[in-house]
């Protein structure tokens, strides 16, 4: 038993019939066209990944702004927040 109930002999018979109908020249051109399409798809996917990576690198992780208050004010505010939550 082969793939899904199809034996190796049945696959070979189908292959011979396809070769007789289409010919080897047409099958080779079909194979090369399919290979070129797959190669183009992979190249497009890798180019897309590179563009996404470049955009991610240029994008800042976070934005920081300067506040007018002193660090003491920040510390007391942070302390009061933890007392309210805790």
PDB file of N, CA and C in Angstrom:
ATOM      1  N   UNK A   1       0.839  -1.188   0.000  1.00  0.00           N
ATOM      2  CA  UNK A   1       0.000   0.000   0.000  1.00  0.00           C
ATOM      3  C   UNK A   1       0.877   1.242   0.000  1.00  0.00           C
ATOM      4  N   UNK A   2       0.494   2.196  -0.796  1.00  0.00           N
ATOM      5  CA  UNK A   2       1.233   3.442  -0.901  1.00  0.00           C
ATOM      6  C   UNK A   2       0.497   4.571  -0.207  1.00  0.00           C
ATOM      7  N   UNK A   3       0.382   5.649  -0.912  1.00  0.00           N
ATOM      8  CA  UNK A   3      -0.241   6.844  -0.379  1.00  0.00           C
ATOM      9  C   UNK A   3      -1.757   6.751  -0.476  1.00  0.00           C
ATOM     10  N   UNK A   4      -2.436   6.664   0.634  1.00  0.00           N
ATOM     11  CA  UNK A   4      -3.899   6.674   0.641  1.00  0.00           C
ATOM     12  C   UNK A   4      -4.545   5.557  -0.148  1.00  0.00           C
ATOM     13  N   UNK A   5      -3.963   4.382  -0.176  1.00  0.00           N
ATOM     14  CA  UNK A   5      -4.543   3.262  -0.886  1.00  0.00           C
ATOM     15  C   UNK A   5      -4.097   3.149  -2.329  1.00  0.00           C
ATOM     16  N   UNK A   6      -3.208   4.026  -2.786  1.00  0.00           N
ATOM     17  CA  UNK A   6      -2.691   3.944  -4.155  1.00  0.00           C
ATOM     18  C   UNK A   6      -1.316   3.291  -4.095  1.00  0.00           C
ATOM     19  N   UNK A   7      -1.162   2.212  -4.851  1.00  0.00           N
ATOM     20  CA  UNK A   7       0.109   1.501  -4.812  1.00  0.00           C
ATOM     21  C   UNK A   7       1.130   2.168  -5.731  1.00  0.00           C
ATOM     22  N   UNK A   8       2.356   1.741  -5.619  1.00  0.00           N
ATOM     23  CA  UNK A   8       3.444   2.269  -6.438  1.00  0.00           C
ATOM     24  C   UNK A   8       3.212   1.984  -7.915  1.00  0.00           C
ATOM     25  N   UNK A   9       2.681   0.795  -8.212  1.00  0.00           N
ATOM     26  CA  UNK A   9       2.421   0.426  -9.600  1.00  0.00           C
ATOM     27  C   UNK A   9       1.367   1.325 -10.226  1.00  0.00           C
ATOM     28  N   UNK A  10       0.335   1.665  -9.482  1.00  0.00           N
ATOM     29  CA  UNK A  10      -0.703   2.552 -10.005  1.00  0.00           C
ATOM     30  C   UNK A  10      -0.140   3.945 -10.289  1.00  0.00           C
ATOM     31  N   UNK A  11       0.740   4.426  -9.420  1.00  0.00           N
ATOM     32  CA  UNK A  11       1.370   5.724  -9.646  1.00  0.00           C
ATOM     33  C   UNK A  11       2.250   5.707 -10.895  1.00  0.00           C
ATOM     34  N   UNK A  12       2.978   4.616 -11.102  1.00  0.00           N
ATOM     35  CA  UNK A  12       3.826   4.509 -12.286  1.00  0.00           C
ATOM     36  C   UNK A  12       2.988   4.470 -13.572  1.00  0.00           C
ATOM     37  N   UNK A  13       1.864   3.768 -13.545  1.00  0.00           N
ATOM     38  CA  UNK A  13       0.985   3.703 -14.715  1.00  0.00           C
ATOM     39  C   UNK A  13       0.437   5.094 -15.041  1.00  0.00           C
ATOM     40  N   UNK A  14       0.009   5.830 -14.027  1.00  0.00           N
ATOM     41  CA  UNK A  14      -0.490   7.197 -14.233  1.00  0.00           C
ATOM     42  C   UNK A  14       0.615   8.080 -14.786  1.00  0.00           C
ATOM     43  N   UNK A  15       1.829   7.943 -14.286  1.00  0.00           N
ATOM     44  CA  UNK A  15       2.963   8.729 -14.777  1.00  0.00           C
ATOM     45  C   UNK A  15       3.243   8.437 -16.244  1.00  0.00           C
ATOM     46  N   UNK A  16       3.206   7.166 -16.640  1.00  0.00           N
ATOM     47  CA  UNK A  16       3.434   6.794 -18.041  1.00  0.00           C
ATOM     48  C   UNK A  16       2.340   7.385 -18.929  1.00  0.00           C
ATOM     49  N   UNK A  17       1.100   7.338 -18.485  1.00  0.00           N
ATOM     50  CA  UNK A  17      -0.007   7.892 -19.272  1.00  0.00           C
ATOM     51  C   UNK A  17       0.160   9.404 -19.436  1.00  0.00           C
ATOM     52  N   UNK A  18       0.545  10.091 -18.392  1.00  0.00           N
ATOM     53  CA  UNK A  18       0.757  11.541 -18.459  1.00  0.00           C
ATOM     54  C   UNK A  18       1.894  11.868 -19.413  1.00  0.00           C
ATOM     55  N   UNK A  19       2.974  11.088 -19.384  1.00  0.00           N
ATOM     56  CA  UNK A  19       4.098  11.318 -20.294  1.00  0.00           C
ATOM     57  C   UNK A  19       3.677  11.086 -21.743  1.00  0.00           C
ATOM     58  N   UNK A  20       2.869  10.062 -21.973  1.00  0.00           N
ATOM     59  CA  UNK A  20       2.413   9.776 -23.343  1.00  0.00           C
ATOM     60  C   UNK A  20       1.507  10.901 -23.845  1.00  0.00           C
ATOM     61  N   UNK A  21       0.620  11.398 -22.996  1.00  0.00           N
ATOM     62  CA  UNK A  21      -0.327  12.439 -23.417  1.00  0.00           C
ATOM     63  C   UNK A  21       0.386  13.778 -23.651  1.00  0.00           C
ATOM     64  N   UNK A  22       1.171  14.229 -22.695  1.00  0.00           N
ATOM     65  CA  UNK A  22       1.761  15.559 -22.767  1.00  0.00           C
ATOM     66  C   UNK A  22       3.145  15.581 -23.413  1.00  0.00           C
ATOM     67  N   UNK A  23       3.881  14.513 -23.328  1.00  0.00           N
ATOM     68  CA  UNK A  23       5.238  14.486 -23.868  1.00  0.00           C
ATOM     69  C   UNK A  23       6.238  15.038 -22.871  1.00  0.00           C
ATOM     70  N   UNK A  24       7.474  14.617 -23.025  1.00  0.00           N
ATOM     71  CA  UNK A  24       8.499  15.017 -22.066  1.00  0.00           C
ATOM     72  C   UNK A  24       8.876  16.486 -22.214  1.00  0.00           C
ATOM     73  N   UNK A  25       8.807  17.007 -23.434  1.00  0.00           N
ATOM     74  CA  UNK A  25       9.178  18.405 -23.656  1.00  0.00           C
ATOM     75  C   UNK A  25       8.220  19.339 -22.916  1.00  0.00           C
ATOM     76  N   UNK A  26       6.945  19.057 -23.035  1.00  0.00           N
ATOM     77  CA  UNK A  26       5.954  19.900 -22.375  1.00  0.00           C
ATOM     78  C   UNK A  26       6.040  19.766 -20.856  1.00  0.00           C
ATOM     79  N   UNK A  27       6.291  18.566 -20.359  1.00  0.00           N
ATOM     80  CA  UNK A  27       6.408  18.359 -18.915  1.00  0.00           C
ATOM     81  C   UNK A  27       7.642  19.061 -18.355  1.00  0.00           C
ATOM     82  N   UNK A  28       8.750  19.064 -19.113  1.00  0.00           N
ATOM     83  CA  UNK A  28       9.947  19.743 -18.615  1.00  0.00           C
ATOM     84  C   UNK A  28       9.736  21.253 -18.566  1.00  0.00           C
ATOM     85  N   UNK A  29       9.052  21.806 -19.579  1.00  0.00           N
ATOM     86  CA  UNK A  29       8.778  23.249 -19.547  1.00  0.00           C
ATOM     87  C   UNK A  29       7.811  23.586 -18.419  1.00  0.00           C
ATOM     88  N   UNK A  30       6.853  22.714 -18.182  1.00  0.00           N
ATOM     89  CA  UNK A  30       5.923  22.920 -17.071  1.00  0.00           C
ATOM     90  C   UNK A  30       6.660  22.885 -15.735  1.00  0.00           C
ATOM     91  N   UNK A  31       7.589  21.930 -15.612  1.00  0.00           N
ATOM     92  CA  UNK A  31       8.372  21.837 -14.380  1.00  0.00           C
ATOM     93  C   UNK A  31       9.256  23.056 -14.160  1.00  0.00           C
ATOM     94  N   UNK A  32       9.873  23.547 -15.231  1.00  0.00           N
ATOM     95  CA  UNK A  32      10.729  24.723 -15.078  1.00  0.00           C
ATOM     96  C   UNK A  32       9.898  25.967 -14.764  1.00  0.00           C
ATOM     97  N   UNK A  33       8.715  26.078 -15.366  1.00  0.00           N
ATOM     98  CA  UNK A  33       7.832  27.203 -15.049  1.00  0.00           C
ATOM     99  C   UNK A  33       7.378  27.155 -13.596  1.00  0.00           C
ATOM    100  N   UNK A  34       7.042  25.968 -13.138  1.00  0.00           N
ATOM    101  CA  UNK A  34       6.617  25.818 -11.747  1.00  0.00           C
ATOM    102  C   UNK A  34       7.769  26.124 -10.793  1.00  0.00           C
ATOM    103  N   UNK A  35       8.968  25.658 -11.130  1.00  0.00           N
ATOM    104  CA  UNK A  35      10.136  25.949 -10.302  1.00  0.00           C
ATOM    105  C   UNK A  35      10.438  27.437 -10.249  1.00  0.00           C
ATOM    106  N   UNK A  36      10.306  28.132 -11.384  1.00  0.00           N
ATOM    107  CA  UNK A  36      10.521  29.575 -11.411  1.00  0.00           C
ATOM    108  C   UNK A  36       9.501  30.324 -10.574  1.00  0.00           C
ATOM    109  N   UNK A  37       8.260  29.846 -10.607  1.00  0.00           N
ATOM    110  CA  UNK A  37       7.214  30.480  -9.807  1.00  0.00           C
ATOM    111  C   UNK A  37       7.484  30.300  -8.309  1.00  0.00           C
ATOM    112  N   UNK A  38       7.904  29.113  -7.919  1.00  0.00           N
ATOM    113  CA  UNK A  38       8.213  28.863  -6.513  1.00  0.00           C
ATOM    114  C   UNK A  38       9.409  29.705  -6.075  1.00  0.00           C
ATOM    115  N   UNK A  39      10.421  29.805  -6.936  1.00  0.00           N
ATOM    116  CA  UNK A  39      11.604  30.613  -6.625  1.00  0.00           C
ATOM    117  C   UNK A  39      11.230  32.082  -6.470  1.00  0.00           C
ATOM    118  N   UNK A  40      10.384  32.595  -7.370  1.00  0.00           N
ATOM    119  CA  UNK A  40       9.926  33.978  -7.276  1.00  0.00           C
ATOM    120  C   UNK A  40       9.121  34.225  -6.013  1.00  0.00           C
ATOM    121  N   UNK A  41       8.282  33.260  -5.643  1.00  0.00           N
ATOM    122  CA  UNK A  41       7.493  33.389  -4.421  1.00  0.00           C
ATOM    123  C   UNK A  41       8.391  33.442  -3.196  1.00  0.00           C
ATOM    124  N   UNK A  42       9.378  32.570  -3.138  1.00  0.00           N
ATOM    125  CA  UNK A  42      10.297  32.558  -1.989  1.00  0.00           C
ATOM    126  C   UNK A  42      11.086  33.866  -1.907  1.00  0.00           C
ATOM    127  N   UNK A  43      11.519  34.389  -3.060  1.00  0.00           N
ATOM    128  CA  UNK A  43      12.271  35.643  -3.081  1.00  0.00           C
ATOM    129  C   UNK A  43      11.392  36.783  -2.590  1.00  0.00           C
ATOM    130  N   UNK A  44      10.142  36.819  -3.037  1.00  0.00           N
ATOM    131  CA  UNK A  44       9.222  37.867  -2.601  1.00  0.00           C
ATOM    132  C   UNK A  44       8.972  37.784  -1.099  1.00  0.00           C
ATOM    133  N   UNK A  45       8.850  36.571  -0.577  1.00  0.00           N
ATOM    134  CA  UNK A  45       8.633  36.411   0.857  1.00  0.00           C
ATOM    135  C   UNK A  45       9.847  36.859   1.656  1.00  0.00           C
ATOM    136  N   UNK A  46      11.053  36.533   1.191  1.00  0.00           N
ATOM    137  CA  UNK A  46      12.258  36.942   1.927  1.00  0.00           C
ATOM    138  C   UNK A  46      12.447  38.448   1.834  1.00  0.00           C
ATOM    139  N   UNK A  47      12.124  39.065   0.679  1.00  0.00           N
ATOM    140  CA  UNK A  47      12.206  40.516   0.551  1.00  0.00           C
ATOM    141  C   UNK A  47      11.214  41.187   1.482  1.00  0.00           C
ATOM    142  N   UNK A  48      10.033  40.615   1.604  1.00  0.00           N
ATOM    143  CA  UNK A  48       9.016  41.164   2.493  1.00  0.00           C
ATOM    144  C   UNK A  48       9.473  41.073   3.945  1.00  0.00           C
ATOM    145  N   UNK A  49      10.090  39.953   4.315  1.00  0.00           N
ATOM    146  CA  UNK A  49      10.595  39.795   5.680  1.00  0.00           C
ATOM    147  C   UNK A  49      11.702  40.798   5.962  1.00  0.00           C
ATOM    148  N   UNK A  50      12.582  41.032   4.990  1.00  0.00           N
ATOM    149  CA  UNK A  50      13.667  41.995   5.177  1.00  0.00           C
ATOM    150  C   UNK A  50      13.113  43.405   5.339  1.00  0.00           C
ATOM    151  N   UNK A  51      12.097  43.752   4.573  1.00  0.00           N
ATOM    152  CA  UNK A  51      11.482  45.080   4.689  1.00  0.00           C
ATOM    153  C   UNK A  51      10.811  45.242   6.048  1.00  0.00           C
ATOM    154  N   UNK A  52      10.148  44.186   6.527  1.00  0.00           N
ATOM    155  CA  UNK A  52       9.518  44.239   7.840  1.00  0.00           C
ATOM    156  C   UNK A  52      10.564  44.382   8.937  1.00  0.00           C
ATOM    157  N   UNK A  53      11.681  43.656   8.807  1.00  0.00           N
ATOM    158  CA  UNK A  53      12.750  43.749   9.790  1.00  0.00           C
ATOM    159  C   UNK A  53      13.352  45.143   9.813  1.00  0.00           C
ATOM    160  N   UNK A  54      13.573  45.737   8.640  1.00  0.00           N
ATOM    161  CA  UNK A  54      14.140  47.071   8.567  1.00  0.00           C
ATOM    162  C   UNK A  54      13.193  48.094   9.186  1.00  0.00           C
ATOM    163  N   UNK A  55      11.910  47.958   8.942  1.00  0.00           N
ATOM    164  CA  UNK A  55      10.933  48.877   9.522  1.00  0.00           C
ATOM    165  C   UNK A  55      10.887  48.710  11.036  1.00  0.00           C
ATOM    166  N   UNK A  56      11.031  47.497  11.509  1.00  0.00           N
ATOM    167  CA  UNK A  56      11.005  47.239  12.948  1.00  0.00           C
ATOM    168  C   UNK A  56      12.253  47.808  13.615  1.00  0.00           C
ATOM    169  N   UNK A  57      13.400  47.745  12.949  1.00  0.00           N
ATOM    170  CA  UNK A  57      14.640  48.263  13.523  1.00  0.00           C
ATOM    171  C   UNK A  57      14.574  49.782  13.633  1.00  0.00           C
ATOM    172  N   UNK A  58      14.025  50.445  12.625  1.00  0.00           N
ATOM    173  CA  UNK A  58      13.955  51.899  12.640  1.00  0.00           C
ATOM    174  C   UNK A  58      12.897  52.423  13.602  1.00  0.00           C
ATOM    175  N   UNK A  59      11.939  51.624  13.955  1.00  0.00           N
ATOM    176  CA  UNK A  59      10.863  52.038  14.845  1.00  0.00           C
ATOM    177  C   UNK A  59      11.371  52.016  16.292  1.00  0.00           C
ATOM    178  N   UNK A  60      11.185  53.110  17.037  1.00  0.00           N
ATOM    179  CA  UNK A  60      11.642  53.107  18.434  1.00  0.00           C
ATOM    180  C   UNK A  60      10.767  52.190  19.291  1.00  0.00           C
ATOM    181  N   UNK A  61      11.381  51.598  20.300  1.00  0.00           N
ATOM    182  CA  UNK A  61      10.639  50.710  21.191  1.00  0.00           C
ATOM    183  C   UNK A  61       9.640  51.493  22.045  1.00  0.00           C
ATOM    184  N   UNK A  62      10.083  52.659  22.553  1.00  0.00           N
ATOM    185  CA  UNK A  62       9.225  53.475  23.392  1.00  0.00           C
ATOM    186  C   UNK A  62       9.641  54.930  23.229  1.00  0.00           C
ATOM    187  N   UNK A  63       8.731  55.809  23.547  1.00  0.00           N
ATOM    188  CA  UNK A  63       9.048  57.224  23.497  1.00  0.00           C
ATOM    189  C   UNK A  63       9.127  57.747  24.916  1.00  0.00           C
ATOM    190  N   UNK A  64      10.187  58.494  25.177  1.00  0.00           N
ATOM    191  CA  UNK A  64      10.394  59.064  26.493  1.00  0.00           C
ATOM    192  C   UNK A  64      10.245  60.570  26.396  1.00  0.00           C
ATOM    193  N   UNK A  65       9.540  61.133  27.363  1.00  0.00           N
ATOM    194  CA  UNK A  65       9.398  62.582  27.405  1.00  0.00           C
ATOM    195  C   UNK A  65       9.932  63.078  28.729  1.00  0.00           C
ATOM    196  N   UNK A  66      10.496  64.265  28.717  1.00  0.00           N
ATOM    197  CA  UNK A  66      11.021  64.862  29.941  1.00  0.00           C
ATOM    198  C   UNK A  66       9.865  65.491  30.710  1.00  0.00           C
ATOM    199  N   UNK A  67       9.862  65.319  32.030  1.00  0.00           N
ATOM    200  CA  UNK A  67       8.825  65.925  32.869  1.00  0.00           C
ATOM    201  C   UNK A  67       9.421  67.112  33.588  1.00  0.00           C
ATOM    202  N   UNK A  68       8.576  68.036  33.979  1.00  0.00           N
ATOM    203  CA  UNK A  68       9.037  69.244  34.649  1.00  0.00           C
ATOM    204  C   UNK A  68       9.279  69.028  36.137  1.00  0.00           C
ATOM    205  N   UNK A  69       8.778  67.950  36.712  1.00  0.00           N
ATOM    206  CA  UNK A  69       8.897  67.713  38.149  1.00  0.00           C
ATOM    207  C   UNK A  69      10.259  67.165  38.530  1.00  0.00           C
ATOM    208  N   UNK A  70      10.544  67.184  39.799  1.00  0.00           N
ATOM    209  CA  UNK A  70      11.810  66.640  40.276  1.00  0.00           C
ATOM    210  C   UNK A  70      11.660  65.147  40.526  1.00  0.00           C
ATOM    211  N   UNK A  71      12.767  64.491  40.791  1.00  0.00           N
ATOM    212  CA  UNK A  71      12.725  63.052  41.044  1.00  0.00           C
ATOM    213  C   UNK A  71      12.063  62.744  42.368  1.00  0.00           C
ATOM    214  N   UNK A  72      12.119  63.688  43.305  1.00  0.00           N
ATOM    215  CA  UNK A  72      11.475  63.475  44.596  1.00  0.00           C
ATOM    216  C   UNK A  72       9.966  63.392  44.423  1.00  0.00           C
ATOM    217  N   UNK A  73       9.401  64.266  43.579  1.00  0.00           N
ATOM    218  CA  UNK A  73       7.969  64.226  43.319  1.00  0.00           C
ATOM    219  C   UNK A  73       7.575  62.901  42.675  1.00  0.00           C
ATOM    220  N   UNK A  74       8.399  62.410  41.775  1.00  0.00           N
ATOM    221  CA  UNK A  74       8.119  61.151  41.106  1.00  0.00           C
ATOM    222  C   UNK A  74       8.124  60.003  42.091  1.00  0.00           C
ATOM    223  N   UNK A  75       9.071  60.027  43.016  1.00  0.00           N
ATOM    224  CA  UNK A  75       9.184  58.947  43.981  1.00  0.00           C
ATOM    225  C   UNK A  75       7.992  58.935  44.919  1.00  0.00           C
ATOM    226  N   UNK A  76       7.542  60.101  45.348  1.00  0.00           N
ATOM    227  CA  UNK A  76       6.397  60.117  46.258  1.00  0.00           C
ATOM    228  C   UNK A  76       5.131  59.715  45.530  1.00  0.00           C
ATOM    229  N   UNK A  77       4.998  60.080  44.282  1.00  0.00           N
ATOM    230  CA  UNK A  77       3.833  59.692  43.506  1.00  0.00           C
ATOM    231  C   UNK A  77       3.817  58.177  43.319  1.00  0.00           C
ATOM    232  N   UNK A  78       4.970  57.621  42.993  1.00  0.00           N
ATOM    233  CA  UNK A  78       5.063  56.173  42.796  1.00  0.00           C
ATOM    234  C   UNK A  78       4.777  55.460  44.109  1.00  0.00           C
ATOM    235  N   UNK A  79       5.247  56.006  45.219  1.00  0.00           N
ATOM    236  CA  UNK A  79       4.987  55.397  46.512  1.00  0.00           C
ATOM    237  C   UNK A  79       3.524  55.430  46.874  1.00  0.00           C
ATOM    238  N   UNK A  80       2.842  56.517  46.567  1.00  0.00           N
ATOM    239  CA  UNK A  80       1.437  56.611  46.887  1.00  0.00           C
ATOM    240  C   UNK A  80       0.609  55.667  46.018  1.00  0.00           C
ATOM    241  N   UNK A  81       1.058  55.441  44.770  1.00  0.00           N
ATOM    242  CA  UNK A  81       0.352  54.516  43.911  1.00  0.00           C
ATOM    243  C   UNK A  81       0.420  53.093  44.465  1.00  0.00           C
ATOM    244  N   UNK A  82       1.569  52.713  44.975  1.00  0.00           N
ATOM    245  CA  UNK A  82       1.704  51.348  45.495  1.00  0.00           C
ATOM    246  C   UNK A  82       0.902  51.193  46.787  1.00  0.00           C
ATOM    247  N   UNK A  83       0.776  52.249  47.560  1.00  0.00           N
ATOM    248  CA  UNK A  83      -0.012  52.148  48.792  1.00  0.00           C
ATOM    249  C   UNK A  83      -1.498  51.999  48.477  1.00  0.00           C
ATOM    250  N   UNK A  84      -1.957  52.653  47.418  1.00  0.00           N
ATOM    251  CA  UNK A  84      -3.360  52.557  47.060  1.00  0.00           C
ATOM    252  C   UNK A  84      -3.688  51.182  46.512  1.00  0.00           C
ATOM    253  N   UNK A  85      -2.761  50.636  45.707  1.00  0.00           N
ATOM    254  CA  UNK A  85      -3.009  49.335  45.091  1.00  0.00           C
ATOM    255  C   UNK A  85      -2.791  48.188  46.064  1.00  0.00           C
ATOM    256  N   UNK A  86      -1.945  48.388  47.032  1.00  0.00           N
ATOM    257  CA  UNK A  86      -1.544  47.281  47.892  1.00  0.00           C
ATOM    258  C   UNK A  86      -2.332  47.129  49.084  1.00  0.00           C
TER     259      UNK A  86
END
